[in-house]
Amino acid sequence: MLSNIVLDEFDRELERRGLRFVRYADDGNIYVRSRRAGERVMERITRFITAKLKLKVNERKSAVARPWARKFLGFSFTSAGIPKRRIAPKAVDRFKERVRELTGRTRGVSIKRMAEELTRYLRGWIGYFGKCETPSVLEGLEKWLRRRLRSAIWKQWKRGTTRFAELRKRGVTRDLAAKTAGSGHGPWRLADSPGLHIALPNAYFDSLGIPRLTVR
């Protein structure tokens, strides 16, 4: 609210100059036709902000660049002929970091509790980023998320005997269960194995109430 009050004059100045722009709080982008125009506008607008509004411009975060090389509120654009709204790479990294925190082996919470906490986070995230125009990114995150969950559950089962019993209980054949439970591969690799896909299909995560990123 304070940013909107203080920067109202800034908005009016950009409109007076006929510039196209977007702003939210103290974060904003100005769109021009060329790098030369961008450098000229950046110099003049920086001078206006510092001299007229008496504010300091964060030079580290400010730059003249193509739209797809910048981000705004977690979004960016593709460089295709018709630009599409995509999730900025840093926003994807933050998503994975948060999911790792919620599914970490050292948390000591049950799968049900983990699912509840993860669901709360995912619903908010989907509400914001689900409107991106690059579904392949969501599909990739969907696969990564399910694999992360299978890996987390595999770690919780701990012992080979427990793993074998859980796999058999969930419909895995004896031979495949024995091969999977006795494997020397790590949890992440096994999370993408046939045995884990059979024992922990996407429908299982649906039953826990964990929302899908790609289904509307």
C-alpha atoms as a PDB file:
ATOM      1  CA  MET A   1       0.000   0.000   0.000  1.00  0.00           C
ATOM      2  CA  LEU A   2       2.831   2.389   0.885  1.00  0.00           C
ATOM      3  CA  SER A   3       4.584   1.578  -2.402  1.00  0.00           C
ATOM      4  CA  ASN A   4       1.430   2.405  -4.344  1.00  0.00           C
ATOM      5  CA  ILE A   5       1.095   5.738  -2.557  1.00  0.00           C
ATOM      6  CA  VAL A   6       4.742   6.710  -2.984  1.00  0.00           C
ATOM      7  CA  LEU A   7       4.998   5.510  -6.593  1.00  0.00           C
ATOM      8  CA  ASP A   8       1.723   6.935  -7.872  1.00  0.00           C
ATOM      9  CA  GLU A   9       3.672   9.897  -9.241  1.00  0.00           C
ATOM     10  CA  PHE A  10       6.068   7.447 -10.884  1.00  0.00           C
ATOM     11  CA  ASP A  11       3.174   5.746 -12.699  1.00  0.00           C
ATOM     12  CA  ARG A  12       1.851   9.074 -13.894  1.00  0.00           C
ATOM     13  CA  GLU A  13       5.279  10.059 -15.207  1.00  0.00           C
ATOM     14  CA  LEU A  14       5.564   6.839 -17.207  1.00  0.00           C
ATOM     15  CA  GLU A  15       2.068   7.392 -18.629  1.00  0.00           C
ATOM     16  CA  ARG A  16       2.943  10.980 -19.524  1.00  0.00           C
ATOM     17  CA  ARG A  17       5.943   9.705 -21.476  1.00  0.00           C
ATOM     18  CA  GLY A  18       3.788   7.186 -23.316  1.00  0.00           C
ATOM     19  CA  LEU A  19       5.669   4.166 -21.970  1.00  0.00           C
ATOM     20  CA  ARG A  20       4.239   0.681 -21.556  1.00  0.00           C
ATOM     21  CA  PHE A  21       4.918  -0.742 -18.130  1.00  0.00           C
ATOM     22  CA  VAL A  22       3.782  -3.050 -15.341  1.00  0.00           C
ATOM     23  CA  ARG A  23       4.347  -2.456 -11.655  1.00  0.00           C
ATOM     24  CA  TYR A  24       3.495  -4.251  -8.436  1.00  0.00           C
ATOM     25  CA  ALA A  25       4.615  -2.544  -5.206  1.00  0.00           C
ATOM     26  CA  ASP A  26       8.258  -1.578  -5.828  1.00  0.00           C
ATOM     27  CA  ASP A  27       8.862  -4.104  -8.610  1.00  0.00           C
ATOM     28  CA  GLY A  28       8.280  -3.078 -12.217  1.00  0.00           C
ATOM     29  CA  ASN A  29       9.156  -3.554 -15.886  1.00  0.00           C
ATOM     30  CA  ILE A  30       9.113  -0.981 -18.697  1.00  0.00           C
ATOM     31  CA  TYR A  31       8.800  -2.239 -22.272  1.00  0.00           C
ATOM     32  CA  VAL A  32      10.401  -0.496 -25.275  1.00  0.00           C
ATOM     33  CA  ARG A  33      11.318  -1.509 -28.832  1.00  0.00           C
ATOM     34  CA  SER A  34      15.113  -1.599 -28.721  1.00  0.00           C
ATOM     35  CA  ARG A  35      18.096  -1.855 -26.399  1.00  0.00           C
ATOM     36  CA  ARG A  36      19.113   1.692 -27.248  1.00  0.00           C
ATOM     37  CA  ALA A  37      15.668   2.953 -26.254  1.00  0.00           C
ATOM     38  CA  GLY A  38      15.855   0.859 -23.102  1.00  0.00           C
ATOM     39  CA  GLU A  39      19.171   2.347 -22.053  1.00  0.00           C
ATOM     40  CA  ARG A  40      17.904   5.849 -22.708  1.00  0.00           C
ATOM     41  CA  VAL A  41      14.682   5.270 -20.764  1.00  0.00           C
ATOM     42  CA  MET A  42      16.514   3.606 -17.883  1.00  0.00           C
ATOM     43  CA  GLU A  43      18.886   6.546 -17.550  1.00  0.00           C
ATOM     44  CA  ARG A  44      16.098   9.120 -17.579  1.00  0.00           C
ATOM     45  CA  ILE A  45      13.745   7.204 -15.310  1.00  0.00           C
ATOM     46  CA  THR A  46      16.540   6.508 -12.830  1.00  0.00           C
ATOM     47  CA  ARG A  47      17.255  10.217 -12.738  1.00  0.00           C
ATOM     48  CA  PHE A  48      13.555  10.950 -12.177  1.00  0.00           C
ATOM     49  CA  ILE A  49      13.330   8.457  -9.302  1.00  0.00           C
ATOM     50  CA  THR A  50      16.434   9.692  -7.519  1.00  0.00           C
ATOM     51  CA  ALA A  51      16.049  13.434  -8.142  1.00  0.00           C
ATOM     52  CA  LYS A  52      12.282  13.901  -8.136  1.00  0.00           C
ATOM     53  CA  LEU A  53      11.044  11.140  -5.829  1.00  0.00           C
ATOM     54  CA  LYS A  54      14.170  11.056  -3.648  1.00  0.00           C
ATOM     55  CA  LEU A  55      14.287   7.259  -3.804  1.00  0.00           C
ATOM     56  CA  LYS A  56      17.197   4.893  -4.389  1.00  0.00           C
ATOM     57  CA  VAL A  57      17.243   2.544  -7.377  1.00  0.00           C
ATOM     58  CA  ASN A  58      18.551  -0.970  -6.763  1.00  0.00           C
ATOM     59  CA  GLU A  59      21.140  -1.119  -9.539  1.00  0.00           C
ATOM     60  CA  ARG A  60      21.931  -4.778  -8.860  1.00  0.00           C
ATOM     61  CA  LYS A  61      18.392  -5.812  -9.758  1.00  0.00           C
ATOM     62  CA  SER A  62      17.908  -3.286 -12.571  1.00  0.00           C
ATOM     63  CA  ALA A  63      18.910  -3.982 -16.169  1.00  0.00           C
ATOM     64  CA  VAL A  64      18.113  -3.495 -19.825  1.00  0.00           C
ATOM     65  CA  ALA A  65      17.363  -6.914 -21.334  1.00  0.00           C
ATOM     66  CA  ARG A  66      14.995  -8.935 -23.475  1.00  0.00           C
ATOM     67  CA  PRO A  67      11.675  -9.779 -21.749  1.00  0.00           C
ATOM     68  CA  TRP A  68      12.486 -13.503 -21.641  1.00  0.00           C
ATOM     69  CA  ALA A  69      15.759 -12.754 -19.857  1.00  0.00           C
ATOM     70  CA  ARG A  70      13.949 -10.996 -17.016  1.00  0.00           C
ATOM     71  CA  LYS A  71      11.314 -12.031 -14.508  1.00  0.00           C
ATOM     72  CA  PHE A  72       8.380 -10.284 -12.893  1.00  0.00           C
ATOM     73  CA  LEU A  73       6.593 -11.627  -9.816  1.00  0.00           C
ATOM     74  CA  GLY A  74       7.907 -15.125 -10.503  1.00  0.00           C
ATOM     75  CA  PHE A  75       6.980 -15.120 -14.204  1.00  0.00           C
ATOM     76  CA  SER A  76       8.906 -14.581 -17.414  1.00  0.00           C
ATOM     77  CA  PHE A  77       8.228 -15.028 -21.140  1.00  0.00           C
ATOM     78  CA  THR A  78       9.301 -17.473 -23.812  1.00  0.00           C
ATOM     79  CA  SER A  79      11.318 -16.208 -26.766  1.00  0.00           C
ATOM     80  CA  ALA A  80       8.988 -17.767 -29.353  1.00  0.00           C
ATOM     81  CA  GLY A  81       7.298 -15.793 -32.146  1.00  0.00           C
ATOM     82  CA  ILE A  82       4.232 -15.428 -29.953  1.00  0.00           C
ATOM     83  CA  PRO A  83       5.576 -14.972 -26.401  1.00  0.00           C
ATOM     84  CA  LYS A  84       4.010 -17.143 -23.720  1.00  0.00           C
ATOM     85  CA  ARG A  85       3.942 -16.594 -19.994  1.00  0.00           C
ATOM     86  CA  ARG A  86       6.216 -19.064 -18.225  1.00  0.00           C
ATOM     87  CA  ILE A  87       7.372 -19.697 -14.683  1.00  0.00           C
ATOM     88  CA  ALA A  88      10.720 -18.030 -14.071  1.00  0.00           C
ATOM     89  CA  PRO A  89      13.609 -20.466 -13.417  1.00  0.00           C
ATOM     90  CA  LYS A  90      14.212 -19.056  -9.928  1.00  0.00           C
ATOM     91  CA  ALA A  91      10.552 -19.672  -9.048  1.00  0.00           C
ATOM     92  CA  VAL A  92      10.958 -23.298 -10.155  1.00  0.00           C
ATOM     93  CA  ASP A  93      14.069 -23.605  -7.971  1.00  0.00           C
ATOM     94  CA  ARG A  94      12.168 -22.179  -4.972  1.00  0.00           C
ATOM     95  CA  PHE A  95       9.356 -24.678  -5.582  1.00  0.00           C
ATOM     96  CA  LYS A  96      11.767 -27.613  -5.510  1.00  0.00           C
ATOM     97  CA  GLU A  97      13.553 -26.254  -2.458  1.00  0.00           C
ATOM     98  CA  ARG A  98      10.277 -25.964  -0.539  1.00  0.00           C
ATOM     99  CA  VAL A  99       9.141 -29.450  -1.576  1.00  0.00           C
ATOM    100  CA  ARG A 100      12.485 -30.862  -0.415  1.00  0.00           C
ATOM    101  CA  GLU A 101      11.955 -29.196   2.964  1.00  0.00           C
ATOM    102  CA  LEU A 102       8.457 -30.648   3.317  1.00  0.00           C
ATOM    103  CA  THR A 103       9.535 -34.156   2.285  1.00  0.00           C
ATOM    104  CA  GLY A 104      12.914 -34.320   4.020  1.00  0.00           C
ATOM    105  CA  ARG A 105      13.893 -37.555   5.732  1.00  0.00           C
ATOM    106  CA  THR A 106      14.957 -35.795   8.943  1.00  0.00           C
ATOM    107  CA  ARG A 107      11.527 -34.296   9.642  1.00  0.00           C
ATOM    108  CA  GLY A 108      10.225 -37.440  11.305  1.00  0.00           C
ATOM    109  CA  VAL A 109       6.574 -36.944  10.299  1.00  0.00           C
ATOM    110  CA  SER A 110       4.118 -39.503   8.977  1.00  0.00           C
ATOM    111  CA  ILE A 111       3.196 -39.732   5.298  1.00  0.00           C
ATOM    112  CA  LYS A 112      -0.281 -38.444   6.167  1.00  0.00           C
ATOM    113  CA  ARG A 113       1.137 -35.382   7.923  1.00  0.00           C
ATOM    114  CA  MET A 114       3.611 -34.810   5.101  1.00  0.00           C
ATOM    115  CA  ALA A 115       0.784 -34.999   2.564  1.00  0.00           C
ATOM    116  CA  GLU A 116      -1.325 -32.493   4.495  1.00  0.00           C
ATOM    117  CA  GLU A 117       1.478 -29.934   4.706  1.00  0.00           C
ATOM    118  CA  LEU A 118       2.463 -30.473   1.091  1.00  0.00           C
ATOM    119  CA  THR A 119      -1.149 -30.106  -0.038  1.00  0.00           C
ATOM    120  CA  ARG A 120      -1.501 -26.729   1.650  1.00  0.00           C
ATOM    121  CA  TYR A 121       1.623 -25.470  -0.071  1.00  0.00           C
ATOM    122  CA  LEU A 122       0.706 -26.899  -3.484  1.00  0.00           C
ATOM    123  CA  ARG A 123      -2.793 -25.428  -3.500  1.00  0.00           C
ATOM    124  CA  GLY A 124      -1.405 -21.947  -2.964  1.00  0.00           C
ATOM    125  CA  TRP A 125       1.355 -22.492  -5.510  1.00  0.00           C
ATOM    126  CA  ILE A 126      -1.059 -23.832  -8.150  1.00  0.00           C
ATOM    127  CA  GLY A 127      -3.426 -20.932  -7.528  1.00  0.00           C
ATOM    128  CA  TYR A 128      -0.628 -18.544  -8.458  1.00  0.00           C
ATOM    129  CA  PHE A 129       1.558 -20.355 -10.995  1.00  0.00           C
ATOM    130  CA  GLY A 130      -1.044 -22.708 -12.489  1.00  0.00           C
ATOM    131  CA  LYS A 131      -1.970 -20.047 -15.058  1.00  0.00           C
ATOM    132  CA  CYS A 132       1.369 -20.282 -16.857  1.00  0.00           C
ATOM    133  CA  GLU A 133       1.204 -20.940 -20.611  1.00  0.00           C
ATOM    134  CA  THR A 134       3.950 -23.569 -20.727  1.00  0.00           C
ATOM    135  CA  PRO A 135       2.328 -26.828 -19.558  1.00  0.00           C
ATOM    136  CA  SER A 136       5.514 -28.796 -20.245  1.00  0.00           C
ATOM    137  CA  VAL A 137       7.100 -27.067 -17.249  1.00  0.00           C
ATOM    138  CA  LEU A 138       4.215 -28.151 -15.018  1.00  0.00           C
ATOM    139  CA  GLU A 139       4.410 -31.690 -16.417  1.00  0.00           C
ATOM    140  CA  GLY A 140       8.109 -31.833 -15.606  1.00  0.00           C
ATOM    141  CA  LEU A 141       7.515 -30.592 -12.066  1.00  0.00           C
ATOM    142  CA  GLU A 142       4.662 -33.085 -11.683  1.00  0.00           C
ATOM    143  CA  LYS A 143       6.946 -36.011 -12.514  1.00  0.00           C
ATOM    144  CA  TRP A 144       9.701 -34.648 -10.293  1.00  0.00           C
ATOM    145  CA  LEU A 145       7.268 -34.215  -7.371  1.00  0.00           C
ATOM    146  CA  ARG A 146       5.917 -37.786  -7.600  1.00  0.00           C
ATOM    147  CA  ARG A 147       9.431 -39.170  -7.795  1.00  0.00           C
ATOM    148  CA  ARG A 148      10.417 -37.083  -4.768  1.00  0.00           C
ATOM    149  CA  LEU A 149       7.460 -38.498  -2.830  1.00  0.00           C
ATOM    150  CA  ARG A 150       8.291 -42.092  -3.774  1.00  0.00           C
ATOM    151  CA  SER A 151      11.866 -41.496  -2.686  1.00  0.00           C
ATOM    152  CA  ALA A 152      10.716 -40.030   0.657  1.00  0.00           C
ATOM    153  CA  ILE A 153       8.421 -42.980   1.363  1.00  0.00           C
ATOM    154  CA  TRP A 154      11.124 -45.475   0.396  1.00  0.00           C
ATOM    155  CA  LYS A 155      13.451 -43.855   2.928  1.00  0.00           C
ATOM    156  CA  GLN A 156      10.786 -44.112   5.628  1.00  0.00           C
ATOM    157  CA  TRP A 157      10.402 -47.835   5.075  1.00  0.00           C
ATOM    158  CA  LYS A 158      14.132 -48.129   5.986  1.00  0.00           C
ATOM    159  CA  ARG A 159      14.805 -51.883   6.281  1.00  0.00           C
ATOM    160  CA  GLY A 160      14.845 -54.392   3.468  1.00  0.00           C
ATOM    161  CA  THR A 161      12.270 -56.619   5.167  1.00  0.00           C
ATOM    162  CA  THR A 162       9.895 -53.697   5.649  1.00  0.00           C
ATOM    163  CA  ARG A 163      10.368 -52.603   2.050  1.00  0.00           C
ATOM    164  CA  PHE A 164       9.719 -56.109   0.747  1.00  0.00           C
ATOM    165  CA  ALA A 165       6.565 -56.422   2.856  1.00  0.00           C
ATOM    166  CA  GLU A 166       5.242 -53.012   1.763  1.00  0.00           C
ATOM    167  CA  LEU A 167       5.872 -53.766  -1.893  1.00  0.00           C
ATOM    168  CA  ARG A 168       4.112 -57.129  -1.675  1.00  0.00           C
ATOM    169  CA  LYS A 169       1.179 -55.589   0.194  1.00  0.00           C
ATOM    170  CA  ARG A 170       0.809 -53.041  -2.590  1.00  0.00           C
ATOM    171  CA  GLY A 171       0.592 -55.531  -5.438  1.00  0.00           C
ATOM    172  CA  VAL A 172       4.214 -55.998  -6.511  1.00  0.00           C
ATOM    173  CA  THR A 173       5.160 -59.554  -7.510  1.00  0.00           C
ATOM    174  CA  ARG A 174       7.433 -61.506  -5.199  1.00  0.00           C
ATOM    175  CA  ASP A 175      10.371 -61.534  -7.609  1.00  0.00           C
ATOM    176  CA  LEU A 176      10.162 -57.813  -8.391  1.00  0.00           C
ATOM    177  CA  ALA A 177       9.649 -56.952  -4.702  1.00  0.00           C
ATOM    178  CA  ALA A 178      12.727 -58.968  -3.729  1.00  0.00           C
ATOM    179  CA  LYS A 179      14.797 -57.397  -6.508  1.00  0.00           C
ATOM    180  CA  THR A 180      13.707 -53.875  -5.567  1.00  0.00           C
ATOM    181  CA  ALA A 181      14.040 -54.303  -1.799  1.00  0.00           C
ATOM    182  CA  GLY A 182      17.498 -55.861  -2.173  1.00  0.00           C
ATOM    183  CA  SER A 183      18.789 -53.310  -4.659  1.00  0.00           C
ATOM    184  CA  GLY A 184      21.918 -51.366  -3.821  1.00  0.00           C
ATOM    185  CA  HIS A 185      20.723 -48.301  -5.717  1.00  0.00           C
ATOM    186  CA  GLY A 186      19.833 -45.147  -3.834  1.00  0.00           C
ATOM    187  CA  PRO A 187      16.277 -43.924  -3.062  1.00  0.00           C
ATOM    188  CA  TRP A 188      16.168 -41.377  -5.891  1.00  0.00           C
ATOM    189  CA  ARG A 189      17.014 -43.940  -8.567  1.00  0.00           C
ATOM    190  CA  LEU A 190      14.683 -46.557  -7.139  1.00  0.00           C
ATOM    191  CA  ALA A 191      11.877 -43.987  -6.979  1.00  0.00           C
ATOM    192  CA  ASP A 192      11.701 -44.277 -10.769  1.00  0.00           C
ATOM    193  CA  SER A 193      11.794 -48.078 -10.820  1.00  0.00           C
ATOM    194  CA  PRO A 194       8.894 -50.331 -11.929  1.00  0.00           C
ATOM    195  CA  GLY A 195       8.407 -51.672  -8.400  1.00  0.00           C
ATOM    196  CA  LEU A 196       7.883 -48.242  -6.856  1.00  0.00           C
ATOM    197  CA  HIS A 197       5.599 -47.139  -9.693  1.00  0.00           C
ATOM    198  CA  ILE A 198       3.398 -50.175  -9.091  1.00  0.00           C
ATOM    199  CA  ALA A 199       3.401 -49.823  -5.300  1.00  0.00           C
ATOM    200  CA  LEU A 200       2.989 -46.048  -5.281  1.00  0.00           C
ATOM    201  CA  PRO A 201       1.064 -45.010  -8.412  1.00  0.00           C
ATOM    202  CA  ASN A 202      -0.204 -41.493  -8.936  1.00  0.00           C
ATOM    203  CA  ALA A 203      -3.623 -42.674  -7.763  1.00  0.00           C
ATOM    204  CA  TYR A 204      -2.110 -43.331  -4.328  1.00  0.00           C
ATOM    205  CA  PHE A 205      -1.030 -39.725  -4.000  1.00  0.00           C
ATOM    206  CA  ASP A 206      -4.472 -38.651  -5.216  1.00  0.00           C
ATOM    207  CA  SER A 207      -5.959 -40.659  -2.362  1.00  0.00           C
ATOM    208  CA  LEU A 208      -3.837 -38.649   0.078  1.00  0.00           C
ATOM    209  CA  GLY A 209      -5.384 -35.474  -1.292  1.00  0.00           C
ATOM    210  CA  ILE A 210      -2.164 -34.200  -2.906  1.00  0.00           C
ATOM    211  CA  PRO A 211      -3.278 -32.056  -5.885  1.00  0.00           C
ATOM    212  CA  ARG A 212      -1.868 -32.554  -9.348  1.00  0.00           C
ATOM    213  CA  LEU A 213      -0.123 -29.629 -11.003  1.00  0.00           C
ATOM    214  CA  THR A 214      -1.405 -30.455 -14.479  1.00  0.00           C
ATOM    215  CA  VAL A 215      -5.080 -31.279 -13.887  1.00  0.00           C
ATOM    216  CA  ARG A 216      -7.726 -28.553 -13.827  1.00  0.00           C
END
